[in-house]
PDB file of N, CA and C in Angstrom:
ATOM      1  N   MET A   1     -29.664 -16.782 -52.403  1.00  0.00           N
ATOM      2  CA  MET A   1     -28.355 -16.413 -51.832  1.00  0.00           C
ATOM      3  C   MET A   1     -27.549 -16.830 -50.136  1.00  0.00           C
ATOM      4  N   THR A   2     -26.845 -17.085 -50.021  1.00  0.00           N
ATOM      5  CA  THR A   2     -26.129 -18.196 -49.158  1.00  0.00           C
ATOM      6  C   THR A   2     -26.459 -17.894 -47.398  1.00  0.00           C
ATOM      7  N   ASP A   3     -26.281 -18.361 -46.719  1.00  0.00           N
ATOM      8  CA  ASP A   3     -26.204 -18.776 -45.520  1.00  0.00           C
ATOM      9  C   ASP A   3     -25.055 -18.213 -44.686  1.00  0.00           C
ATOM     10  N   ARG A   4     -25.627 -16.937 -43.583  1.00  0.00           N
ATOM     11  CA  ARG A   4     -24.716 -15.961 -42.941  1.00  0.00           C
ATOM     12  C   ARG A   4     -24.138 -15.440 -41.579  1.00  0.00           C
ATOM     13  N   SER A   5     -25.060 -17.256 -41.635  1.00  0.00           N
ATOM     14  CA  SER A   5     -24.485 -17.946 -39.819  1.00  0.00           C
ATOM     15  C   SER A   5     -23.203 -17.933 -40.198  1.00  0.00           C
ATOM     16  N   VAL A   6     -21.994 -18.090 -38.997  1.00  0.00           N
ATOM     17  CA  VAL A   6     -20.344 -18.969 -38.316  1.00  0.00           C
ATOM     18  C   VAL A   6     -20.415 -19.040 -36.767  1.00  0.00           C
ATOM     19  N   ARG A   7     -19.374 -20.314 -37.675  1.00  0.00           N
ATOM     20  CA  ARG A   7     -19.432 -21.227 -36.525  1.00  0.00           C
ATOM     21  C   ARG A   7     -18.652 -21.090 -35.751  1.00  0.00           C
ATOM     22  N   PHE A   8     -18.620 -20.623 -34.278  1.00  0.00           N
ATOM     23  CA  PHE A   8     -16.704 -21.171 -34.010  1.00  0.00           C
ATOM     24  C   PHE A   8     -16.465 -22.441 -33.650  1.00  0.00           C
ATOM     25  N   PHE A   9     -14.712 -22.493 -33.608  1.00  0.00           N
ATOM     26  CA  PHE A   9     -13.944 -24.166 -33.487  1.00  0.00           C
ATOM     27  C   PHE A   9     -13.294 -23.507 -32.322  1.00  0.00           C
ATOM     28  N   GLY A  10     -13.531 -24.423 -31.056  1.00  0.00           N
ATOM     29  CA  GLY A  10     -12.341 -23.861 -30.027  1.00  0.00           C
ATOM     30  C   GLY A  10     -12.732 -23.217 -29.194  1.00  0.00           C
ATOM     31  N   GLY A  11     -12.159 -23.230 -28.480  1.00  0.00           N
ATOM     32  CA  GLY A  11     -11.256 -21.662 -27.659  1.00  0.00           C
ATOM     33  C   GLY A  11     -12.623 -21.614 -26.619  1.00  0.00           C
ATOM     34  N   PRO A  12     -12.370 -20.361 -25.956  1.00  0.00           N
ATOM     35  CA  PRO A  12     -14.012 -20.652 -24.924  1.00  0.00           C
ATOM     36  C   PRO A  12     -15.068 -20.206 -25.661  1.00  0.00           C
ATOM     37  N   LEU A  13     -15.038 -19.694 -27.032  1.00  0.00           N
ATOM     38  CA  LEU A  13     -16.015 -19.765 -27.906  1.00  0.00           C
ATOM     39  C   LEU A  13     -16.913 -21.269 -28.864  1.00  0.00           C
ATOM     40  N   ASP A  14     -16.676 -21.974 -28.400  1.00  0.00           N
ATOM     41  CA  ASP A  14     -16.662 -22.854 -29.192  1.00  0.00           C
ATOM     42  C   ASP A  14     -17.908 -23.440 -29.625  1.00  0.00           C
ATOM     43  N   GLY A  15     -18.836 -23.751 -30.214  1.00  0.00           N
ATOM     44  CA  GLY A  15     -19.623 -23.530 -30.563  1.00  0.00           C
ATOM     45  C   GLY A  15     -20.750 -22.959 -30.668  1.00  0.00           C
ATOM     46  N   ARG A  16     -20.318 -21.442 -30.647  1.00  0.00           N
ATOM     47  CA  ARG A  16     -21.418 -20.861 -30.755  1.00  0.00           C
ATOM     48  C   ARG A  16     -21.367 -20.234 -32.389  1.00  0.00           C
ATOM     49  N   VAL A  17     -22.731 -19.868 -32.204  1.00  0.00           N
ATOM     50  CA  VAL A  17     -22.787 -18.964 -34.203  1.00  0.00           C
ATOM     51  C   VAL A  17     -23.396 -17.984 -33.529  1.00  0.00           C
ATOM     52  N   GLN A  18     -22.858 -17.681 -34.341  1.00  0.00           N
ATOM     53  CA  GLN A  18     -24.255 -16.041 -35.120  1.00  0.00           C
ATOM     54  C   GLN A  18     -23.652 -15.890 -36.394  1.00  0.00           C
ATOM     55  N   GLU A  19     -24.171 -14.309 -37.035  1.00  0.00           N
ATOM     56  CA  GLU A  19     -24.701 -13.741 -37.698  1.00  0.00           C
ATOM     57  C   GLU A  19     -23.489 -12.943 -38.497  1.00  0.00           C
ATOM     58  N   LEU A  20     -22.944 -13.418 -39.773  1.00  0.00           N
ATOM     59  CA  LEU A  20     -21.203 -12.365 -40.534  1.00  0.00           C
ATOM     60  C   LEU A  20     -21.945 -11.173 -40.682  1.00  0.00           C
ATOM     61  N   THR A  21     -21.487 -10.402 -40.845  1.00  0.00           N
ATOM     62  CA  THR A  21     -22.074  -8.505 -40.475  1.00  0.00           C
ATOM     63  C   THR A  21     -22.689  -8.177 -42.088  1.00  0.00           C
ATOM     64  N   ASP A  22     -22.858  -7.044 -42.575  1.00  0.00           N
ATOM     65  CA  ASP A  22     -23.422  -6.668 -43.896  1.00  0.00           C
ATOM     66  C   ASP A  22     -21.943  -7.038 -45.442  1.00  0.00           C
ATOM     67  N   GLU A  23     -21.324  -6.782 -44.577  1.00  0.00           N
ATOM     68  CA  GLU A  23     -20.067  -6.068 -44.960  1.00  0.00           C
ATOM     69  C   GLU A  23     -19.418  -8.226 -45.578  1.00  0.00           C
ATOM     70  N   GLU A  24     -19.021  -8.088 -47.520  1.00  0.00           N
ATOM     71  CA  GLU A  24     -19.645  -8.933 -47.797  1.00  0.00           C
ATOM     72  C   GLU A  24     -17.565 -10.386 -46.986  1.00  0.00           C
ATOM     73  N   PRO A  25     -18.179 -11.706 -46.662  1.00  0.00           N
ATOM     74  CA  PRO A  25     -17.070 -12.259 -45.305  1.00  0.00           C
ATOM     75  C   PRO A  25     -15.516 -12.165 -46.062  1.00  0.00           C
ATOM     76  N   ALA A  26     -14.778 -11.381 -45.710  1.00  0.00           N
ATOM     77  CA  ALA A  26     -13.357 -12.040 -46.644  1.00  0.00           C
ATOM     78  C   ALA A  26     -13.137 -13.785 -46.071  1.00  0.00           C
ATOM     79  N   PRO A  27     -12.310 -14.744 -46.191  1.00  0.00           N
ATOM     80  CA  PRO A  27     -11.689 -14.815 -45.302  1.00  0.00           C
ATOM     81  C   PRO A  27     -10.258 -14.667 -45.211  1.00  0.00           C
ATOM     82  N   GLY A  28      -9.424 -15.438 -43.400  1.00  0.00           N
ATOM     83  CA  GLY A  28      -8.750 -14.710 -42.913  1.00  0.00           C
ATOM     84  C   GLY A  28      -8.983 -13.733 -42.472  1.00  0.00           C
ATOM     85  N   THR A  29      -9.909 -13.204 -42.082  1.00  0.00           N
ATOM     86  CA  THR A  29     -10.911 -12.414 -40.749  1.00  0.00           C
ATOM     87  C   THR A  29      -9.999 -12.456 -39.938  1.00  0.00           C
ATOM     88  N   ILE A  30      -9.444 -11.837 -38.850  1.00  0.00           N
ATOM     89  CA  ILE A  30      -9.055 -12.037 -38.031  1.00  0.00           C
ATOM     90  C   ILE A  30     -10.310 -11.397 -36.875  1.00  0.00           C
ATOM     91  N   VAL A  31     -11.066 -12.048 -35.538  1.00  0.00           N
ATOM     92  CA  VAL A  31     -10.963 -11.299 -34.505  1.00  0.00           C
ATOM     93  C   VAL A  31     -10.903 -11.736 -33.033  1.00  0.00           C
ATOM     94  N   ARG A  32     -10.680 -11.401 -32.381  1.00  0.00           N
ATOM     95  CA  ARG A  32      -9.975 -11.601 -31.261  1.00  0.00           C
ATOM     96  C   ARG A  32     -10.712 -11.754 -29.875  1.00  0.00           C
ATOM     97  N   HIS A  33     -10.457 -12.213 -28.883  1.00  0.00           N
ATOM     98  CA  HIS A  33     -11.957 -12.497 -28.479  1.00  0.00           C
ATOM     99  C   HIS A  33     -10.896 -12.181 -26.968  1.00  0.00           C
ATOM    100  N   ILE A  34     -11.520 -11.447 -26.037  1.00  0.00           N
ATOM    101  CA  ILE A  34     -10.660 -11.769 -24.371  1.00  0.00           C
ATOM    102  C   ILE A  34     -11.074 -11.641 -23.444  1.00  0.00           C
ATOM    103  N   HIS A  35     -11.274 -12.598 -22.404  1.00  0.00           N
ATOM    104  CA  HIS A  35     -11.517 -13.421 -21.599  1.00  0.00           C
ATOM    105  C   HIS A  35     -11.062 -12.746 -19.887  1.00  0.00           C
ATOM    106  N   LEU A  36     -11.381 -12.254 -19.143  1.00  0.00           N
ATOM    107  CA  LEU A  36     -10.971 -11.983 -17.628  1.00  0.00           C
ATOM    108  C   LEU A  36     -11.808 -12.450 -16.680  1.00  0.00           C
ATOM    109  N   HIS A  37     -10.669 -13.111 -16.391  1.00  0.00           N
ATOM    110  CA  HIS A  37     -11.696 -13.902 -14.661  1.00  0.00           C
ATOM    111  C   HIS A  37     -10.641 -13.559 -13.885  1.00  0.00           C
ATOM    112  N   GLY A  38     -10.329 -14.144 -12.518  1.00  0.00           N
ATOM    113  CA  GLY A  38      -9.530 -14.165 -11.478  1.00  0.00           C
ATOM    114  C   GLY A  38      -7.944 -14.290 -11.801  1.00  0.00           C
ATOM    115  N   GLY A  39      -7.886 -14.939 -12.816  1.00  0.00           N
ATOM    116  CA  GLY A  39      -6.399 -15.127 -13.462  1.00  0.00           C
ATOM    117  C   GLY A  39      -6.184 -13.923 -14.372  1.00  0.00           C
ATOM    118  N   PRO A  40      -4.939 -14.617 -14.907  1.00  0.00           N
ATOM    119  CA  PRO A  40      -4.718 -14.319 -16.719  1.00  0.00           C
ATOM    120  C   PRO A  40      -5.456 -13.468 -17.888  1.00  0.00           C
ATOM    121  N   LYS A  41      -5.403 -12.294 -18.157  1.00  0.00           N
ATOM    122  CA  LYS A  41      -5.735 -12.495 -19.045  1.00  0.00           C
ATOM    123  C   LYS A  41      -5.738 -13.335 -20.597  1.00  0.00           C
ATOM    124  N   ILE A  42      -6.994 -14.235 -20.250  1.00  0.00           N
ATOM    125  CA  ILE A  42      -6.400 -14.594 -21.964  1.00  0.00           C
ATOM    126  C   ILE A  42      -7.213 -14.710 -23.050  1.00  0.00           C
ATOM    127  N   GLU A  43      -6.297 -13.846 -24.224  1.00  0.00           N
ATOM    128  CA  GLU A  43      -6.434 -13.306 -25.485  1.00  0.00           C
ATOM    129  C   GLU A  43      -6.566 -14.660 -26.817  1.00  0.00           C
ATOM    130  N   THR A  44      -8.108 -14.722 -27.405  1.00  0.00           N
ATOM    131  CA  THR A  44      -7.309 -16.071 -28.178  1.00  0.00           C
ATOM    132  C   THR A  44      -8.342 -15.325 -29.904  1.00  0.00           C
ATOM    133  N   LEU A  45      -7.720 -15.721 -30.787  1.00  0.00           N
ATOM    134  CA  LEU A  45      -7.981 -15.256 -32.043  1.00  0.00           C
ATOM    135  C   LEU A  45      -8.237 -16.146 -32.719  1.00  0.00           C
ATOM    136  N   TYR A  46      -9.312 -15.787 -33.717  1.00  0.00           N
ATOM    137  CA  TYR A  46     -10.251 -16.568 -34.786  1.00  0.00           C
ATOM    138  C   TYR A  46      -9.804 -16.279 -35.824  1.00  0.00           C
ATOM    139  N   GLU A  47      -9.068 -17.174 -36.735  1.00  0.00           N
ATOM    140  CA  GLU A  47      -9.244 -17.291 -38.445  1.00  0.00           C
ATOM    141  C   GLU A  47     -10.297 -17.646 -38.756  1.00  0.00           C
ATOM    142  N   LEU A  48     -11.419 -16.174 -40.065  1.00  0.00           N
ATOM    143  CA  LEU A  48     -12.362 -17.323 -40.836  1.00  0.00           C
ATOM    144  C   LEU A  48     -11.624 -17.760 -42.100  1.00  0.00           C
ATOM    145  N   GLY A  49     -13.157 -18.857 -42.014  1.00  0.00           N
ATOM    146  CA  GLY A  49     -12.743 -19.272 -43.390  1.00  0.00           C
ATOM    147  C   GLY A  49     -13.534 -20.110 -44.247  1.00  0.00           C
ATOM    148  N   MET A  50     -13.920 -20.594 -45.219  1.00  0.00           N
ATOM    149  CA  MET A  50     -15.268 -21.289 -45.423  1.00  0.00           C
ATOM    150  C   MET A  50     -14.978 -22.838 -46.445  1.00  0.00           C
ATOM    151  N   THR A  51     -15.285 -23.607 -45.446  1.00  0.00           N
ATOM    152  CA  THR A  51     -16.038 -25.017 -45.949  1.00  0.00           C
ATOM    153  C   THR A  51     -16.287 -25.597 -46.306  1.00  0.00           C
ATOM    154  N   GLU A  52     -16.709 -26.526 -46.944  1.00  0.00           N
ATOM    155  CA  GLU A  52     -17.552 -26.996 -48.034  1.00  0.00           C
ATOM    156  C   GLU A  52     -19.224 -27.036 -46.918  1.00  0.00           C
ATOM    157  N   HIS A  53     -18.470 -27.355 -45.060  1.00  0.00           N
ATOM    158  CA  HIS A  53     -19.908 -27.212 -44.702  1.00  0.00           C
ATOM    159  C   HIS A  53     -20.704 -25.285 -44.152  1.00  0.00           C
ATOM    160  N   GLY A  54     -19.968 -24.321 -44.259  1.00  0.00           N
ATOM    161  CA  GLY A  54     -20.225 -23.135 -44.420  1.00  0.00           C
ATOM    162  C   GLY A  54     -19.120 -22.365 -44.460  1.00  0.00           C
ATOM    163  N   TRP A  55     -19.533 -20.776 -43.526  1.00  0.00           N
ATOM    164  CA  TRP A  55     -18.266 -20.064 -42.310  1.00  0.00           C
ATOM    165  C   TRP A  55     -17.627 -20.485 -41.086  1.00  0.00           C
ATOM    166  N   GLU A  56     -16.143 -20.935 -41.128  1.00  0.00           N
ATOM    167  CA  GLU A  56     -16.638 -21.179 -39.919  1.00  0.00           C
ATOM    168  C   GLU A  56     -15.462 -20.083 -39.051  1.00  0.00           C
ATOM    169  N   TYR A  57     -15.096 -19.724 -37.325  1.00  0.00           N
ATOM    170  CA  TYR A  57     -14.021 -19.681 -37.060  1.00  0.00           C
ATOM    171  C   TYR A  57     -12.870 -20.148 -36.200  1.00  0.00           C
ATOM    172  N   ARG A  58     -11.956 -20.144 -36.346  1.00  0.00           N
ATOM    173  CA  ARG A  58     -11.116 -21.846 -35.695  1.00  0.00           C
ATOM    174  C   ARG A  58     -10.235 -20.592 -35.547  1.00  0.00           C
ATOM    175  N   VAL A  59      -9.467 -21.155 -34.041  1.00  0.00           N
ATOM    176  CA  VAL A  59      -8.508 -20.872 -33.365  1.00  0.00           C
ATOM    177  C   VAL A  59      -7.815 -20.113 -33.957  1.00  0.00           C
ATOM    178  N   SER A  60      -7.187 -19.563 -34.053  1.00  0.00           N
ATOM    179  CA  SER A  60      -5.250 -19.105 -34.734  1.00  0.00           C
ATOM    180  C   SER A  60      -4.342 -18.757 -33.282  1.00  0.00           C
ATOM    181  N   ALA A  61      -4.953 -18.509 -32.178  1.00  0.00           N
ATOM    182  CA  ALA A  61      -4.092 -18.801 -31.139  1.00  0.00           C
ATOM    183  C   ALA A  61      -4.429 -18.663 -30.031  1.00  0.00           C
ATOM    184  N   THR A  62      -3.559 -18.335 -28.997  1.00  0.00           N
ATOM    185  CA  THR A  62      -4.147 -17.941 -27.525  1.00  0.00           C
ATOM    186  C   THR A  62      -3.130 -17.623 -27.437  1.00  0.00           C
ATOM    187  N   THR A  63      -3.150 -16.310 -26.113  1.00  0.00           N
ATOM    188  CA  THR A  63      -2.274 -15.783 -25.668  1.00  0.00           C
ATOM    189  C   THR A  63      -3.066 -15.598 -24.393  1.00  0.00           C
ATOM    190  N   HIS A  64      -1.616 -16.193 -23.392  1.00  0.00           N
ATOM    191  CA  HIS A  64      -2.068 -15.510 -21.296  1.00  0.00           C
ATOM    192  C   HIS A  64      -1.055 -14.535 -21.132  1.00  0.00           C
ATOM    193  N   SER A  65      -1.654 -12.904 -20.097  1.00  0.00           N
ATOM    194  CA  SER A  65      -0.960 -12.871 -19.568  1.00  0.00           C
ATOM    195  C   SER A  65      -1.385 -12.174 -18.331  1.00  0.00           C
ATOM    196  N   GLU A  66      -0.235 -12.223 -17.897  1.00  0.00           N
ATOM    197  CA  GLU A  66      -0.945 -11.449 -16.312  1.00  0.00           C
ATOM    198  C   GLU A  66      -2.144  -9.937 -15.781  1.00  0.00           C
ATOM    199  N   PRO A  67      -2.802  -9.980 -15.125  1.00  0.00           N
ATOM    200  CA  PRO A  67      -4.165  -9.099 -14.920  1.00  0.00           C
ATOM    201  C   PRO A  67      -2.524  -7.677 -14.874  1.00  0.00           C
ATOM    202  N   SER A  68      -3.599  -6.080 -15.483  1.00  0.00           N
ATOM    203  CA  SER A  68      -2.839  -5.140 -14.969  1.00  0.00           C
ATOM    204  C   SER A  68      -4.047  -4.136 -14.598  1.00  0.00           C
ATOM    205  N   HIS A  69      -3.406  -3.312 -14.060  1.00  0.00           N
ATOM    206  CA  HIS A  69      -4.490  -2.792 -12.031  1.00  0.00           C
ATOM    207  C   HIS A  69      -4.533  -1.327 -13.176  1.00  0.00           C
ATOM    208  N   SER A  70      -5.047  -1.251 -14.673  1.00  0.00           N
ATOM    209  CA  SER A  70      -5.177  -0.174 -15.196  1.00  0.00           C
ATOM    210  C   SER A  70      -6.354  -0.526 -15.807  1.00  0.00           C
ATOM    211  N   GLU A  71      -7.592  -0.148 -16.550  1.00  0.00           N
ATOM    212  CA  GLU A  71      -8.763  -0.099 -16.538  1.00  0.00           C
ATOM    213  C   GLU A  71      -9.051  -1.409 -16.780  1.00  0.00           C
ATOM    214  N   PRO A  72      -9.558  -2.219 -17.093  1.00  0.00           N
ATOM    215  CA  PRO A  72     -10.038  -3.186 -16.815  1.00  0.00           C
ATOM    216  C   PRO A  72     -10.719  -3.234 -18.577  1.00  0.00           C
ATOM    217  N   GLU A  73     -10.574  -4.704 -19.443  1.00  0.00           N
ATOM    218  CA  GLU A  73     -10.951  -4.476 -20.939  1.00  0.00           C
ATOM    219  C   GLU A  73     -12.188  -5.309 -20.262  1.00  0.00           C
ATOM    220  N   PRO A  74     -13.452  -4.910 -21.687  1.00  0.00           N
ATOM    221  CA  PRO A  74     -14.808  -5.485 -21.037  1.00  0.00           C
ATOM    222  C   PRO A  74     -14.946  -7.608 -22.014  1.00  0.00           C
ATOM    223  N   ASP A  75     -14.685  -7.865 -21.286  1.00  0.00           N
ATOM    224  CA  ASP A  75     -14.892  -9.698 -21.919  1.00  0.00           C
ATOM    225  C   ASP A  75     -15.712  -9.457 -23.093  1.00  0.00           C
ATOM    226  N   GLY A  76     -15.616  -9.703 -24.657  1.00  0.00           N
ATOM    227  CA  GLY A  76     -16.293 -10.036 -25.497  1.00  0.00           C
ATOM    228  C   GLY A  76     -15.811  -9.759 -27.216  1.00  0.00           C
ATOM    229  N   LEU A  77     -16.226  -9.913 -28.240  1.00  0.00           N
ATOM    230  CA  LEU A  77     -15.746  -9.928 -28.997  1.00  0.00           C
ATOM    231  C   LEU A  77     -14.552  -8.734 -29.912  1.00  0.00           C
ATOM    232  N   ARG A  78     -13.468  -7.878 -30.440  1.00  0.00           N
ATOM    233  CA  ARG A  78     -13.025  -7.319 -30.769  1.00  0.00           C
ATOM    234  C   ARG A  78     -13.002  -7.299 -32.349  1.00  0.00           C
TER     235      ARG A  78
END
């Protein structure tokens, strides 16, 4: 049985470790993390990959946008 944990590298989730879902992990899978605070919304994309050390999510892109006056989005993984 393989290790089902994945570590995040870079961005606001740097150092976080979480368990992979029951679905077979696929290299190249992208997760989106949105961070809301007093300034602009920060969106960070992480790409899943397998290394000699196991599964890793590495930052693939980060964008900043001005906050809107519509319904706020919850902070978290998407």
